[in-house]
């Protein structure tokens, strides 16, 4: 069976989130290949005081999910988020949009492989006994990754090509968990450095085990697990210690090179071996609105993300608020000023004189510090200013903002058409800006730009 691979061309991935249960349970084997008889597996294990079991039942035609199926399901979750977590639980797009969202090549030979992956995900049943967490307690669930698929194809026999429109429907248990926010970020930076499906699958599994189910914001800095137990969690079908290590080691090397792992240490011998993972890179959940404010000041998206990751979201927001108060009523400086201020604010803050440092000597009470809430919210001010613009001004500003986010993903003619559509208020400018900010924060620019192209195609000149 032909495997999906990546092209040598480097391009940003659009994956950004994962559902916590899917990440931790490791329902998709990290192996790049499975044998012709691989139609089922089952596992039992403990977690805290809970005993749980997982059973996978595939089909002789499609086998159990494996390898690149991890990429495809993450791409679907990405599109589901990009399309606003629709109540129908349905995700629609062209075959190429699904491949791009999965970080996979879009050349013709991969459409058949996408079809096979979707069929595996829709034909495999999972029975999870007391192992699906809803944020409060464990539950028993039975589901398939994909509840329904619709292929709208022009070619006979349902052959999938780049123009085929695919609609997949997520099962309620997954869709509801995503809507509740039982998710965690995936770093497109890490994923972009991993060339093999095994490494991406192991990254997904490791990152799922870093997060606390009752407090997903908490992450482990290191993690130790028995080798055979970990082989079961990774769904490696041959559980001899040597075989497990042969599957894991190439993935370890990639994760070390990507600086996601700081070290991997094997301890013990034979069946009693364990692995200690020490993590290097922290994942920062970025604030879409703050990211939009930064890029709106002309700061490159990559630089804006680095500021938020290095400073922390709260500190970055506070320093941006401070510099905006500092320049209020003055000529707006270039993006370099904002970046420099946020990195070294003391270089730009007014210095106190000797007299200012003295304690007050009069009988007057010292001035009280301004209350935190007394300053206007810059986000609210920006929204109010935007609402007060004329339709033409809103259109121009929106097109400028979207150019920063989507760049060459849209052509000049498409940006011109977008401006014309916005001027007559046929599309919601504020919603487009919010979508772009979310796409920039979550790494879904490819998918969101493709959706915008499709929407623009529905408008024709009179």
Foldseek 3Di string as FASTA:
>chain_A
DDFFFADPDFDFAQFKKDQLLCLAQQQAFLDRDDDLPQAWDKDWDDDVPDTKMKIKGGDSVLHAHYFLLVLLLSLQVSQCVLVPLDPQQKGKDALQLSQRNSVTDQPWVCQVVSVSSVVNQQGMKMWMCQRDDLLPGGHTDIDGQWPDKDWADPDPPSRGHRGIMMMTGGDPVRSVSVVVVSMDTDDSLLVSQDGTSSLVSVSSNQQSVQADSNHRVGGDQKDKDFQLVVCVSSVVPDRWSVSSCVSCVVSVVSNCVSQQWVDWDWDDDTRRIMIMTGGGDDDAQEDLLLLLVLVLLVDQLVLSVVLCRVQPRVLLQVQLVVVCVVQVPHPRDHSVVSSVCSVPVVVPDDDDDPVNPDDDDDPDDDDDDDDPPPDDDPSVVVVVVLVPDQQLVLLVSLLVSLCSQQPPLDDPVLSVLSSVCSSVPVDDSVVSSSSSSVSSSRVNSNSSSSVSVVVSVVDDDD
